[in-house]
PDB file of N, CA and C in Angstrom:
ATOM      1  N   MET A   1      52.988  13.398  13.258  1.00  0.00           N
ATOM      2  CA  MET A   1      52.467  12.131  13.698  1.00  0.00           C
ATOM      3  C   MET A   1      51.389  12.326  14.768  1.00  0.00           C
ATOM      4  N   LYS A   2      51.655  13.265  15.669  1.00  0.00           N
ATOM      5  CA  LYS A   2      50.710  13.530  16.747  1.00  0.00           C
ATOM      6  C   LYS A   2      49.402  14.090  16.191  1.00  0.00           C
ATOM      7  N   ARG A   3      49.500  14.960  15.161  1.00  0.00           N
ATOM      8  CA  ARG A   3      48.301  15.530  14.543  1.00  0.00           C
ATOM      9  C   ARG A   3      47.463  14.443  13.871  1.00  0.00           C
ATOM     10  N   MET A   4      48.144  13.505  13.194  1.00  0.00           N
ATOM     11  CA  MET A   4      47.426  12.448  12.518  1.00  0.00           C
ATOM     12  C   MET A   4      46.698  11.577  13.537  1.00  0.00           C
ATOM     13  N   THR A   5      47.335  11.280  14.644  1.00  0.00           N
ATOM     14  CA  THR A   5      46.716  10.483  15.690  1.00  0.00           C
ATOM     15  C   THR A   5      45.495  11.200  16.256  1.00  0.00           C
ATOM     16  N   LEU A   6      45.615  12.506  16.471  1.00  0.00           N
ATOM     17  CA  LEU A   6      44.478  13.286  16.977  1.00  0.00           C
ATOM     18  C   LEU A   6      43.341  13.315  15.952  1.00  0.00           C
ATOM     19  N   ALA A   7      43.687  13.450  14.674  1.00  0.00           N
ATOM     20  CA  ALA A   7      42.663  13.483  13.623  1.00  0.00           C
ATOM     21  C   ALA A   7      41.926  12.150  13.557  1.00  0.00           C
ATOM     22  N   ILE A   8      42.653  11.060  13.657  1.00  0.00           N
ATOM     23  CA  ILE A   8      42.030   9.735  13.627  1.00  0.00           C
ATOM     24  C   ILE A   8      41.135   9.546  14.847  1.00  0.00           C
ATOM     25  N   ALA A   9      41.605   9.954  16.009  1.00  0.00           N
ATOM     26  CA  ALA A   9      40.806   9.838  17.232  1.00  0.00           C
ATOM     27  C   ALA A   9      39.528  10.665  17.122  1.00  0.00           C
ATOM     28  N   ALA A  10      39.635  11.868  16.577  1.00  0.00           N
ATOM     29  CA  ALA A  10      38.458  12.726  16.410  1.00  0.00           C
ATOM     30  C   ALA A  10      37.460  12.100  15.443  1.00  0.00           C
ATOM     31  N   ALA A  11      37.953  11.520  14.362  1.00  0.00           N
ATOM     32  CA  ALA A  11      37.070  10.887  13.380  1.00  0.00           C
ATOM     33  C   ALA A  11      36.343   9.694  13.997  1.00  0.00           C
ATOM     34  N   LEU A  12      37.055   8.885  14.754  1.00  0.00           N
ATOM     35  CA  LEU A  12      36.433   7.727  15.397  1.00  0.00           C
ATOM     36  C   LEU A  12      35.398   8.151  16.435  1.00  0.00           C
ATOM     37  N   LEU A  13      35.700   9.180  17.201  1.00  0.00           N
ATOM     38  CA  LEU A  13      34.762   9.685  18.191  1.00  0.00           C
ATOM     39  C   LEU A  13      33.502  10.214  17.511  1.00  0.00           C
ATOM     40  N   SER A  14      33.688  10.935  16.424  1.00  0.00           N
ATOM     41  CA  SER A  14      32.556  11.475  15.677  1.00  0.00           C
ATOM     42  C   SER A  14      31.673  10.355  15.132  1.00  0.00           C
ATOM     43  N   ALA A  15      32.294   9.325  14.553  1.00  0.00           N
ATOM     44  CA  ALA A  15      31.537   8.197  14.013  1.00  0.00           C
ATOM     45  C   ALA A  15      30.769   7.485  15.115  1.00  0.00           C
ATOM     46  N   ASN A  16      31.395   7.339  16.277  1.00  0.00           N
ATOM     47  CA  ASN A  16      30.738   6.681  17.409  1.00  0.00           C
ATOM     48  C   ASN A  16      29.534   7.492  17.872  1.00  0.00           C
ATOM     49  N   CYS A  17      29.678   8.797  17.939  1.00  0.00           N
ATOM     50  CA  CYS A  17      28.564   9.665  18.357  1.00  0.00           C
ATOM     51  C   CYS A  17      27.404   9.563  17.374  1.00  0.00           C
ATOM     52  N   MET A  18      27.722   9.543  16.085  1.00  0.00           N
ATOM     53  CA  MET A  18      26.676   9.434  15.070  1.00  0.00           C
ATOM     54  C   MET A  18      25.948   8.095  15.191  1.00  0.00           C
ATOM     55  N   ALA A  19      26.683   7.020  15.420  1.00  0.00           N
ATOM     56  CA  ALA A  19      26.079   5.698  15.553  1.00  0.00           C
ATOM     57  C   ALA A  19      25.153   5.655  16.766  1.00  0.00           C
ATOM     58  N   GLN A  20      25.576   6.274  17.865  1.00  0.00           N
ATOM     59  CA  GLN A  20      24.734   6.297  19.058  1.00  0.00           C
ATOM     60  C   GLN A  20      23.468   7.108  18.819  1.00  0.00           C
ATOM     61  N   GLN A  21      23.586   8.201  18.061  1.00  0.00           N
ATOM     62  CA  GLN A  21      22.419   9.025  17.764  1.00  0.00           C
ATOM     63  C   GLN A  21      21.426   8.254  16.905  1.00  0.00           C
ATOM     64  N   VAL A  22      21.926   7.536  15.903  1.00  0.00           N
ATOM     65  CA  VAL A  22      21.060   6.742  15.038  1.00  0.00           C
ATOM     66  C   VAL A  22      20.329   5.681  15.857  1.00  0.00           C
ATOM     67  N   GLN A  23      21.050   5.006  16.766  1.00  0.00           N
ATOM     68  CA  GLN A  23      20.417   4.001  17.608  1.00  0.00           C
ATOM     69  C   GLN A  23      19.380   4.635  18.526  1.00  0.00           C
ATOM     70  N   ALA A  24      19.681   5.794  19.072  1.00  0.00           N
ATOM     71  CA  ALA A  24      18.762   6.465  19.990  1.00  0.00           C
ATOM     72  C   ALA A  24      17.481   6.870  19.281  1.00  0.00           C
ATOM     73  N   GLU A  25      17.576   7.240  18.012  1.00  0.00           N
ATOM     74  CA  GLU A  25      16.392   7.664  17.265  1.00  0.00           C
ATOM     75  C   GLU A  25      15.591   6.479  16.747  1.00  0.00           C
ATOM     76  N   GLY A  26      16.112   5.278  16.917  1.00  0.00           N
ATOM     77  CA  GLY A  26      15.381   4.096  16.495  1.00  0.00           C
ATOM     78  C   GLY A  26      15.412   3.861  14.998  1.00  0.00           C
ATOM     79  N   TYR A  27      16.369   4.424  14.289  1.00  0.00           N
ATOM     80  CA  TYR A  27      16.462   4.257  12.844  1.00  0.00           C
ATOM     81  C   TYR A  27      17.132   2.936  12.535  1.00  0.00           C
ATOM     82  N   ASN A  28      16.517   2.134  11.695  1.00  0.00           N
ATOM     83  CA  ASN A  28      17.088   0.855  11.311  1.00  0.00           C
ATOM     84  C   ASN A  28      17.585   0.951   9.874  1.00  0.00           C
ATOM     85  N   ALA A  29      18.893   0.956   9.711  1.00  0.00           N
ATOM     86  CA  ALA A  29      19.479   1.093   8.383  1.00  0.00           C
ATOM     87  C   ALA A  29      19.479  -0.219   7.614  1.00  0.00           C
ATOM     88  N   ASP A  30      19.152  -1.312   8.252  1.00  0.00           N
ATOM     89  CA  ASP A  30      19.165  -2.607   7.591  1.00  0.00           C
ATOM     90  C   ASP A  30      17.868  -2.792   6.820  1.00  0.00           C
ATOM     91  N   ASN A  31      17.960  -2.790   5.496  1.00  0.00           N
ATOM     92  CA  ASN A  31      16.766  -2.985   4.670  1.00  0.00           C
ATOM     93  C   ASN A  31      16.856  -4.298   3.892  1.00  0.00           C
ATOM     94  N   THR A  32      17.509  -5.301   4.477  1.00  0.00           N
ATOM     95  CA  THR A  32      17.711  -6.590   3.822  1.00  0.00           C
ATOM     96  C   THR A  32      16.387  -7.250   3.452  1.00  0.00           C
ATOM     97  N   LYS A  33      15.405  -7.220   4.351  1.00  0.00           N
ATOM     98  CA  LYS A  33      14.114  -7.856   4.068  1.00  0.00           C
ATOM     99  C   LYS A  33      13.440  -7.201   2.866  1.00  0.00           C
ATOM    100  N   LYS A  34      13.487  -5.881   2.823  1.00  0.00           N
ATOM    101  CA  LYS A  34      12.866  -5.161   1.715  1.00  0.00           C
ATOM    102  C   LYS A  34      13.585  -5.471   0.404  1.00  0.00           C
ATOM    103  N   ASN A  35      14.912  -5.481   0.432  1.00  0.00           N
ATOM    104  CA  ASN A  35      15.680  -5.765  -0.775  1.00  0.00           C
ATOM    105  C   ASN A  35      15.448  -7.187  -1.261  1.00  0.00           C
ATOM    106  N   SER A  36      15.268  -8.143  -0.362  1.00  0.00           N
ATOM    107  CA  SER A  36      15.066  -9.525  -0.781  1.00  0.00           C
ATOM    108  C   SER A  36      13.745  -9.677  -1.527  1.00  0.00           C
ATOM    109  N   LYS A  37      12.743  -8.868  -1.180  1.00  0.00           N
ATOM    110  CA  LYS A  37      11.470  -8.914  -1.903  1.00  0.00           C
ATOM    111  C   LYS A  37      11.669  -8.476  -3.350  1.00  0.00           C
ATOM    112  N   VAL A  38      12.510  -7.489  -3.558  1.00  0.00           N
ATOM    113  CA  VAL A  38      12.777  -7.002  -4.913  1.00  0.00           C
ATOM    114  C   VAL A  38      13.555  -8.050  -5.690  1.00  0.00           C
ATOM    115  N   VAL A  39      14.597  -8.619  -5.079  1.00  0.00           N
ATOM    116  CA  VAL A  39      15.442  -9.592  -5.762  1.00  0.00           C
ATOM    117  C   VAL A  39      14.652 -10.848  -6.114  1.00  0.00           C
ATOM    118  N   ASN A  40      13.789 -11.297  -5.227  1.00  0.00           N
ATOM    119  CA  ASN A  40      13.025 -12.513  -5.464  1.00  0.00           C
ATOM    120  C   ASN A  40      11.780 -12.275  -6.312  1.00  0.00           C
ATOM    121  N   GLY A  41      11.436 -11.030  -6.522  1.00  0.00           N
ATOM    122  CA  GLY A  41      10.256 -10.711  -7.322  1.00  0.00           C
ATOM    123  C   GLY A  41      10.596 -10.580  -8.790  1.00  0.00           C
ATOM    124  N   ASP A  42       9.689  -9.959  -9.531  1.00  0.00           N
ATOM    125  CA  ASP A  42       9.899  -9.801 -10.963  1.00  0.00           C
ATOM    126  C   ASP A  42      10.368  -8.395 -11.330  1.00  0.00           C
ATOM    127  N   LYS A  43      10.753  -7.620 -10.340  1.00  0.00           N
ATOM    128  CA  LYS A  43      11.217  -6.258 -10.593  1.00  0.00           C
ATOM    129  C   LYS A  43      12.685  -6.270 -10.996  1.00  0.00           C
ATOM    130  N   PRO A  44      13.081  -5.354 -11.892  1.00  0.00           N
ATOM    131  CA  PRO A  44      14.494  -5.321 -12.296  1.00  0.00           C
ATOM    132  C   PRO A  44      15.407  -4.900 -11.157  1.00  0.00           C
ATOM    133  N   THR A  45      16.600  -5.456 -11.139  1.00  0.00           N
ATOM    134  CA  THR A  45      17.626  -5.116 -10.166  1.00  0.00           C
ATOM    135  C   THR A  45      18.860  -4.644 -10.922  1.00  0.00           C
ATOM    136  N   ALA A  46      19.898  -4.298 -10.197  1.00  0.00           N
ATOM    137  CA  ALA A  46      21.126  -3.826 -10.837  1.00  0.00           C
ATOM    138  C   ALA A  46      21.697  -4.857 -11.806  1.00  0.00           C
ATOM    139  N   GLN A  47      21.450  -6.132 -11.560  1.00  0.00           N
ATOM    140  CA  GLN A  47      21.941  -7.172 -12.461  1.00  0.00           C
ATOM    141  C   GLN A  47      21.260  -7.126 -13.820  1.00  0.00           C
ATOM    142  N   ASN A  48      20.114  -6.460 -13.901  1.00  0.00           N
ATOM    143  CA  ASN A  48      19.401  -6.333 -15.165  1.00  0.00           C
ATOM    144  C   ASN A  48      19.868  -5.141 -15.994  1.00  0.00           C
ATOM    145  N   GLN A  49      20.761  -4.335 -15.445  1.00  0.00           N
ATOM    146  CA  GLN A  49      21.267  -3.158 -16.154  1.00  0.00           C
ATOM    147  C   GLN A  49      21.899  -3.591 -17.467  1.00  0.00           C
ATOM    148  N   SER A  50      21.461  -2.964 -18.561  1.00  0.00           N
ATOM    149  CA  SER A  50      22.030  -3.250 -19.879  1.00  0.00           C
ATOM    150  C   SER A  50      23.464  -2.754 -19.933  1.00  0.00           C
ATOM    151  N   ASN A  51      24.298  -3.489 -20.624  1.00  0.00           N
ATOM    152  CA  ASN A  51      25.694  -3.108 -20.763  1.00  0.00           C
ATOM    153  C   ASN A  51      26.009  -2.508 -22.124  1.00  0.00           C
ATOM    154  N   ASP A  52      24.984  -2.273 -22.938  1.00  0.00           N
ATOM    155  CA  ASP A  52      25.279  -1.669 -24.231  1.00  0.00           C
ATOM    156  C   ASP A  52      25.628  -0.197 -24.042  1.00  0.00           C
ATOM    157  N   LYS A  53      26.375   0.340 -24.968  1.00  0.00           N
ATOM    158  CA  LYS A  53      26.933   1.690 -24.849  1.00  0.00           C
ATOM    159  C   LYS A  53      25.857   2.753 -24.625  1.00  0.00           C
ATOM    160  N   ASP A  54      24.758   2.692 -25.364  1.00  0.00           N
ATOM    161  CA  ASP A  54      23.699   3.701 -25.232  1.00  0.00           C
ATOM    162  C   ASP A  54      23.056   3.683 -23.841  1.00  0.00           C
ATOM    163  N   SER A  55      22.792   2.493 -23.309  1.00  0.00           N
ATOM    164  CA  SER A  55      22.176   2.381 -21.984  1.00  0.00           C
ATOM    165  C   SER A  55      23.096   2.934 -20.905  1.00  0.00           C
ATOM    166  N   ILE A  56      24.359   2.595 -20.996  1.00  0.00           N
ATOM    167  CA  ILE A  56      25.326   3.077 -20.012  1.00  0.00           C
ATOM    168  C   ILE A  56      25.435   4.594 -20.076  1.00  0.00           C
ATOM    169  N   GLU A  57      25.481   5.125 -21.287  1.00  0.00           N
ATOM    170  CA  GLU A  57      25.608   6.579 -21.458  1.00  0.00           C
ATOM    171  C   GLU A  57      24.376   7.313 -20.940  1.00  0.00           C
ATOM    172  N   ARG A  58      23.195   6.818 -21.249  1.00  0.00           N
ATOM    173  CA  ARG A  58      21.973   7.478 -20.779  1.00  0.00           C
ATOM    174  C   ARG A  58      21.840   7.389 -19.263  1.00  0.00           C
ATOM    175  N   SER A  59      22.180   6.247 -18.692  1.00  0.00           N
ATOM    176  CA  SER A  59      22.141   6.108 -17.234  1.00  0.00           C
ATOM    177  C   SER A  59      23.122   7.074 -16.577  1.00  0.00           C
ATOM    178  N   ALA A  60      24.315   7.166 -17.158  1.00  0.00           N
ATOM    179  CA  ALA A  60      25.334   8.078 -16.616  1.00  0.00           C
ATOM    180  C   ALA A  60      24.872   9.521 -16.720  1.00  0.00           C
ATOM    181  N   ASN A  61      24.245   9.876 -17.831  1.00  0.00           N
ATOM    182  CA  ASN A  61      23.746  11.246 -17.997  1.00  0.00           C
ATOM    183  C   ASN A  61      22.659  11.565 -16.974  1.00  0.00           C
ATOM    184  N   LEU A  62      21.779  10.608 -16.715  1.00  0.00           N
ATOM    185  CA  LEU A  62      20.731  10.820 -15.714  1.00  0.00           C
ATOM    186  C   LEU A  62      21.342  10.963 -14.329  1.00  0.00           C
ATOM    187  N   ARG A  63      22.309  10.106 -13.984  1.00  0.00           N
ATOM    188  CA  ARG A  63      22.955  10.197 -12.670  1.00  0.00           C
ATOM    189  C   ARG A  63      23.646  11.545 -12.512  1.00  0.00           C
ATOM    190  N   LYS A  64      24.336  12.010 -13.559  1.00  0.00           N
ATOM    191  CA  LYS A  64      25.017  13.314 -13.502  1.00  0.00           C
ATOM    192  C   LYS A  64      24.004  14.435 -13.292  1.00  0.00           C
ATOM    193  N   ALA A  65      22.861  14.357 -13.982  1.00  0.00           N
ATOM    194  CA  ALA A  65      21.830  15.383 -13.833  1.00  0.00           C
ATOM    195  C   ALA A  65      21.272  15.384 -12.406  1.00  0.00           C
ATOM    196  N   ILE A  66      21.092  14.207 -11.837  1.00  0.00           N
ATOM    197  CA  ILE A  66      20.601  14.115 -10.457  1.00  0.00           C
ATOM    198  C   ILE A  66      21.622  14.740  -9.505  1.00  0.00           C
ATOM    199  N   MET A  67      22.888  14.416  -9.697  1.00  0.00           N
ATOM    200  CA  MET A  67      23.928  14.923  -8.805  1.00  0.00           C
ATOM    201  C   MET A  67      24.110  16.437  -8.943  1.00  0.00           C
ATOM    202  N   LYS A  68      23.832  16.990 -10.110  1.00  0.00           N
ATOM    203  CA  LYS A  68      23.955  18.443 -10.314  1.00  0.00           C
ATOM    204  C   LYS A  68      22.785  19.212  -9.715  1.00  0.00           C
ATOM    205  N   SER A  69      21.673  18.537  -9.485  1.00  0.00           N
ATOM    206  CA  SER A  69      20.487  19.200  -8.945  1.00  0.00           C
ATOM    207  C   SER A  69      20.760  19.650  -7.518  1.00  0.00           C
ATOM    208  N   LYS A  70      20.541  20.912  -7.268  1.00  0.00           N
ATOM    209  CA  LYS A  70      20.801  21.482  -5.945  1.00  0.00           C
ATOM    210  C   LYS A  70      19.692  21.119  -4.966  1.00  0.00           C
ATOM    211  N   GLY A  71      20.079  20.870  -3.727  1.00  0.00           N
ATOM    212  CA  GLY A  71      19.113  20.692  -2.656  1.00  0.00           C
ATOM    213  C   GLY A  71      18.541  19.297  -2.511  1.00  0.00           C
ATOM    214  N   LEU A  72      19.045  18.308  -3.249  1.00  0.00           N
ATOM    215  CA  LEU A  72      18.528  16.955  -3.100  1.00  0.00           C
ATOM    216  C   LEU A  72      19.211  16.270  -1.913  1.00  0.00           C
ATOM    217  N   SER A  73      18.449  15.469  -1.214  1.00  0.00           N
ATOM    218  CA  SER A  73      18.988  14.723  -0.075  1.00  0.00           C
ATOM    219  C   SER A  73      19.912  13.613  -0.576  1.00  0.00           C
ATOM    220  N   VAL A  74      20.648  13.036   0.343  1.00  0.00           N
ATOM    221  CA  VAL A  74      21.515  11.907  -0.006  1.00  0.00           C
ATOM    222  C   VAL A  74      20.656  10.743  -0.507  1.00  0.00           C
ATOM    223  N   ASN A  75      19.494  10.541   0.107  1.00  0.00           N
ATOM    224  CA  ASN A  75      18.588   9.491  -0.370  1.00  0.00           C
ATOM    225  C   ASN A  75      18.244   9.707  -1.834  1.00  0.00           C
ATOM    226  N   ALA A  76      17.877  10.920  -2.184  1.00  0.00           N
ATOM    227  CA  ALA A  76      17.503  11.222  -3.566  1.00  0.00           C
ATOM    228  C   ALA A  76      18.685  11.040  -4.512  1.00  0.00           C
ATOM    229  N   GLN A  77      19.862  11.445  -4.076  1.00  0.00           N
ATOM    230  CA  GLN A  77      21.045  11.291  -4.917  1.00  0.00           C
ATOM    231  C   GLN A  77      21.394   9.822  -5.138  1.00  0.00           C
ATOM    232  N   ASN A  78      20.954   8.956  -4.230  1.00  0.00           N
ATOM    233  CA  ASN A  78      21.288   7.537  -4.316  1.00  0.00           C
ATOM    234  C   ASN A  78      20.164   6.663  -4.857  1.00  0.00           C
ATOM    235  N   VAL A  79      19.169   7.259  -5.485  1.00  0.00           N
ATOM    236  CA  VAL A  79      18.096   6.467  -6.074  1.00  0.00           C
ATOM    237  C   VAL A  79      18.698   5.487  -7.076  1.00  0.00           C
ATOM    238  N   LYS A  80      18.202   4.254  -7.053  1.00  0.00           N
ATOM    239  CA  LYS A  80      18.708   3.241  -7.980  1.00  0.00           C
ATOM    240  C   LYS A  80      18.215   3.564  -9.388  1.00  0.00           C
ATOM    241  N   LEU A  81      19.128   3.463 -10.351  1.00  0.00           N
ATOM    242  CA  LEU A  81      18.812   3.664 -11.765  1.00  0.00           C
ATOM    243  C   LEU A  81      19.121   2.366 -12.491  1.00  0.00           C
ATOM    244  N   ILE A  82      18.113   1.768 -13.098  1.00  0.00           N
ATOM    245  CA  ILE A  82      18.302   0.503 -13.805  1.00  0.00           C
ATOM    246  C   ILE A  82      17.767   0.662 -15.221  1.00  0.00           C
ATOM    247  N   ASP A  83      18.669   0.697 -16.194  1.00  0.00           N
ATOM    248  CA  ASP A  83      18.298   0.794 -17.605  1.00  0.00           C
ATOM    249  C   ASP A  83      18.275  -0.619 -18.165  1.00  0.00           C
ATOM    250  N   GLU A  84      17.097  -1.082 -18.476  1.00  0.00           N
ATOM    251  CA  GLU A  84      16.931  -2.422 -19.020  1.00  0.00           C
ATOM    252  C   GLU A  84      16.462  -2.310 -20.460  1.00  0.00           C
ATOM    253  N   ASN A  85      17.427  -2.387 -21.364  1.00  0.00           N
ATOM    254  CA  ASN A  85      17.157  -2.289 -22.804  1.00  0.00           C
ATOM    255  C   ASN A  85      16.409  -1.011 -23.174  1.00  0.00           C
ATOM    256  N   GLY A  86      16.870   0.108 -22.644  1.00  0.00           N
ATOM    257  CA  GLY A  86      16.296   1.400 -23.000  1.00  0.00           C
ATOM    258  C   GLY A  86      15.146   1.860 -22.132  1.00  0.00           C
ATOM    259  N   LYS A  87      14.708   1.044 -21.197  1.00  0.00           N
ATOM    260  CA  LYS A  87      13.635   1.438 -20.278  1.00  0.00           C
ATOM    261  C   LYS A  87      14.231   1.603 -18.888  1.00  0.00           C
ATOM    262  N   MET A  88      14.076   2.784 -18.313  1.00  0.00           N
ATOM    263  CA  MET A  88      14.672   3.114 -17.018  1.00  0.00           C
ATOM    264  C   MET A  88      13.698   2.814 -15.891  1.00  0.00           C
ATOM    265  N   THR A  89      14.213   2.173 -14.843  1.00  0.00           N
ATOM    266  CA  THR A  89      13.459   1.988 -13.609  1.00  0.00           C
ATOM    267  C   THR A  89      14.145   2.797 -12.524  1.00  0.00           C
ATOM    268  N   LEU A  90      13.376   3.625 -11.842  1.00  0.00           N
ATOM    269  CA  LEU A  90      13.859   4.437 -10.724  1.00  0.00           C
ATOM    270  C   LEU A  90      13.325   3.808  -9.449  1.00  0.00           C
ATOM    271  N   ARG A  91      14.200   3.533  -8.489  1.00  0.00           N
ATOM    272  CA  ARG A  91      13.733   2.887  -7.262  1.00  0.00           C
ATOM    273  C   ARG A  91      14.519   3.407  -6.069  1.00  0.00           C
ATOM    274  N   GLY A  92      13.818   3.614  -4.975  1.00  0.00           N
ATOM    275  CA  GLY A  92      14.478   3.992  -3.740  1.00  0.00           C
ATOM    276  C   GLY A  92      13.707   5.062  -2.992  1.00  0.00           C
ATOM    277  N   PRO A  93      14.185   5.384  -1.801  1.00  0.00           N
ATOM    278  CA  PRO A  93      13.509   6.391  -0.987  1.00  0.00           C
ATOM    279  C   PRO A  93      14.002   7.800  -1.296  1.00  0.00           C
ATOM    280  N   VAL A  94      13.116   8.763  -1.185  1.00  0.00           N
ATOM    281  CA  VAL A  94      13.464  10.183  -1.226  1.00  0.00           C
ATOM    282  C   VAL A  94      12.766  10.850  -0.047  1.00  0.00           C
ATOM    283  N   ASP A  95      13.192  12.057   0.279  1.00  0.00           N
ATOM    284  CA  ASP A  95      12.683  12.712   1.483  1.00  0.00           C
ATOM    285  C   ASP A  95      11.438  13.572   1.261  1.00  0.00           C
ATOM    286  N   SER A  96      11.048  13.804   0.001  1.00  0.00           N
ATOM    287  CA  SER A  96       9.885  14.660  -0.221  1.00  0.00           C
ATOM    288  C   SER A  96       9.298  14.426  -1.613  1.00  0.00           C
ATOM    289  N   ALA A  97       8.056  14.893  -1.780  1.00  0.00           N
ATOM    290  CA  ALA A  97       7.407  14.810  -3.084  1.00  0.00           C
ATOM    291  C   ALA A  97       8.148  15.670  -4.108  1.00  0.00           C
ATOM    292  N   LYS A  98       8.733  16.761  -3.653  1.00  0.00           N
ATOM    293  CA  LYS A  98       9.497  17.635  -4.555  1.00  0.00           C
ATOM    294  C   LYS A  98      10.696  16.887  -5.136  1.00  0.00           C
ATOM    295  N   GLU A  99      11.420  16.151  -4.285  1.00  0.00           N
ATOM    296  CA  GLU A  99      12.575  15.387  -4.766  1.00  0.00           C
ATOM    297  C   GLU A  99      12.137  14.324  -5.773  1.00  0.00           C
ATOM    298  N   LYS A 100      11.039  13.661  -5.471  1.00  0.00           N
ATOM    299  CA  LYS A 100      10.516  12.648  -6.394  1.00  0.00           C
ATOM    300  C   LYS A 100      10.205  13.277  -7.744  1.00  0.00           C
ATOM    301  N   SER A 101       9.563  14.427  -7.711  1.00  0.00           N
ATOM    302  CA  SER A 101       9.204  15.132  -8.939  1.00  0.00           C
ATOM    303  C   SER A 101      10.435  15.557  -9.737  1.00  0.00           C
ATOM    304  N   VAL A 102      11.448  16.066  -9.043  1.00  0.00           N
ATOM    305  CA  VAL A 102      12.679  16.494  -9.711  1.00  0.00           C
ATOM    306  C   VAL A 102      13.324  15.320 -10.437  1.00  0.00           C
ATOM    307  N   ILE A 103      13.444  14.186  -9.754  1.00  0.00           N
ATOM    308  CA  ILE A 103      14.086  13.014 -10.351  1.00  0.00           C
ATOM    309  C   ILE A 103      13.259  12.479 -11.518  1.00  0.00           C
ATOM    310  N   GLU A 104      11.952  12.431 -11.368  1.00  0.00           N
ATOM    311  CA  GLU A 104      11.098  11.949 -12.452  1.00  0.00           C
ATOM    312  C   GLU A 104      11.176  12.873 -13.664  1.00  0.00           C
ATOM    313  N   ASN A 105      11.246  14.187 -13.446  1.00  0.00           N
ATOM    314  CA  ASN A 105      11.379  15.121 -14.568  1.00  0.00           C
ATOM    315  C   ASN A 105      12.712  14.954 -15.282  1.00  0.00           C
ATOM    316  N   LEU A 106      13.774  14.706 -14.526  1.00  0.00           N
ATOM    317  CA  LEU A 106      15.078  14.457 -15.142  1.00  0.00           C
ATOM    318  C   LEU A 106      15.047  13.167 -15.958  1.00  0.00           C
ATOM    319  N   ALA A 107      14.376  12.141 -15.431  1.00  0.00           N
ATOM    320  CA  ALA A 107      14.247  10.874 -16.165  1.00  0.00           C
ATOM    321  C   ALA A 107      13.460  11.082 -17.451  1.00  0.00           C
ATOM    322  N   LYS A 108      12.439  11.913 -17.374  1.00  0.00           N
ATOM    323  CA  LYS A 108      11.629  12.189 -18.567  1.00  0.00           C
ATOM    324  C   LYS A 108      12.467  12.878 -19.643  1.00  0.00           C
ATOM    325  N   LYS A 109      13.371  13.781 -19.229  1.00  0.00           N
ATOM    326  CA  LYS A 109      14.248  14.454 -20.195  1.00  0.00           C
ATOM    327  C   LYS A 109      15.193  13.466 -20.869  1.00  0.00           C
ATOM    328  N   CYS A 110      15.673  12.489 -20.108  1.00  0.00           N
ATOM    329  CA  CYS A 110      16.635  11.517 -20.645  1.00  0.00           C
ATOM    330  C   CYS A 110      15.961  10.358 -21.380  1.00  0.00           C
ATOM    331  N   TYR A 111      14.761   9.957 -20.918  1.00  0.00           N
ATOM    332  CA  TYR A 111      14.141   8.731 -21.426  1.00  0.00           C
ATOM    333  C   TYR A 111      12.762   8.945 -22.043  1.00  0.00           C
ATOM    334  N   GLY A 112      12.258  10.157 -22.069  1.00  0.00           N
ATOM    335  CA  GLY A 112      10.896  10.362 -22.555  1.00  0.00           C
ATOM    336  C   GLY A 112       9.936   9.655 -21.607  1.00  0.00           C
ATOM    337  N   ASN A 113       9.031   8.869 -22.167  1.00  0.00           N
ATOM    338  CA  ASN A 113       8.084   8.121 -21.329  1.00  0.00           C
ATOM    339  C   ASN A 113       8.549   6.695 -21.052  1.00  0.00           C
ATOM    340  N   ASP A 114       9.787   6.359 -21.430  1.00  0.00           N
ATOM    341  CA  ASP A 114      10.314   5.016 -21.225  1.00  0.00           C
ATOM    342  C   ASP A 114      10.972   4.868 -19.853  1.00  0.00           C
ATOM    343  N   TYR A 115      10.244   5.213 -18.814  1.00  0.00           N
ATOM    344  CA  TYR A 115      10.754   5.013 -17.457  1.00  0.00           C
ATOM    345  C   TYR A 115       9.608   4.626 -16.540  1.00  0.00           C
ATOM    346  N   VAL A 116       9.967   3.917 -15.488  1.00  0.00           N
ATOM    347  CA  VAL A 116       9.011   3.507 -14.459  1.00  0.00           C
ATOM    348  C   VAL A 116       9.533   4.044 -13.137  1.00  0.00           C
ATOM    349  N   SER A 117       8.676   4.714 -12.408  1.00  0.00           N
ATOM    350  CA  SER A 117       9.083   5.268 -11.123  1.00  0.00           C
ATOM    351  C   SER A 117       8.538   4.408  -9.989  1.00  0.00           C
ATOM    352  N   GLU A 118       9.460   3.859  -9.207  1.00  0.00           N
ATOM    353  CA  GLU A 118       9.109   3.127  -7.996  1.00  0.00           C
ATOM    354  C   GLU A 118       9.713   3.849  -6.796  1.00  0.00           C
ATOM    355  N   ILE A 119       9.801   5.164  -6.913  1.00  0.00           N
ATOM    356  CA  ILE A 119      10.380   5.990  -5.860  1.00  0.00           C
ATOM    357  C   ILE A 119       9.372   6.138  -4.728  1.00  0.00           C
ATOM    358  N   GLU A 120       9.840   5.971  -3.502  1.00  0.00           N
ATOM    359  CA  GLU A 120       9.006   6.098  -2.319  1.00  0.00           C
ATOM    360  C   GLU A 120       9.375   7.375  -1.562  1.00  0.00           C
ATOM    361  N   ILE A 121       8.374   8.060  -1.062  1.00  0.00           N
ATOM    362  CA  ILE A 121       8.629   9.227  -0.219  1.00  0.00           C
ATOM    363  C   ILE A 121       8.665   8.738   1.227  1.00  0.00           C
ATOM    364  N   VAL A 122       9.829   8.898   1.848  1.00  0.00           N
ATOM    365  CA  VAL A 122      10.036   8.481   3.227  1.00  0.00           C
ATOM    366  C   VAL A 122      10.444   9.703   4.008  1.00  0.00           C
ATOM    367  N   ILE A 123       9.603  10.143   4.909  1.00  0.00           N
ATOM    368  CA  ILE A 123       9.889  11.338   5.675  1.00  0.00           C
ATOM    369  C   ILE A 123      10.960  11.011   6.718  1.00  0.00           C
ATOM    370  N   PRO A 124      12.079  11.762   6.673  1.00  0.00           N
ATOM    371  CA  PRO A 124      13.161  11.481   7.636  1.00  0.00           C
ATOM    372  C   PRO A 124      12.717  11.779   9.065  1.00  0.00           C
ATOM    373  N   LYS A 125      13.276  11.023  10.010  1.00  0.00           N
ATOM    374  CA  LYS A 125      12.933  11.220  11.419  1.00  0.00           C
ATOM    375  C   LYS A 125      13.736  12.339  12.003  1.00  0.00           C
TER     376      LYS A 125
END
C-alpha cells in the first residue's frame, strides 16, 4: 500500500513538473480556434470517414505503417487520417520535412495518388 501511494505521488509530481515546463516555454496546447476553422470549412473531418470495410481496412493499414516507422515524433504518429470514399486526407503537424515525406510515401503506397496532404511542419520549441 505504501509503495502504491509513493508511486501515485511520484506520478503526480512528474505531471505537475511537466505542466510547469510547458507553461514556462510558452507552448499553447489549445488549438480550438484552428480546429474550428477546419470544422466550419469545406475540409473533411473525422466525421467524414467512410465506414465501408475497404476504407476502414486501408486507413488501419496506413496507421499501422506509420506506427511501425522508426524515429517519428508523437506529432507525426498522431496525424489525422480521413478516408472519404477511397480518398485519404492527411492533416496535422509534424516536426520535420523528413517526417512529412515518410508519411506521404506511406500514404502513396496505400492509396496511390488518391490522397491529399495537409500536413504542416511545425518546429518544436
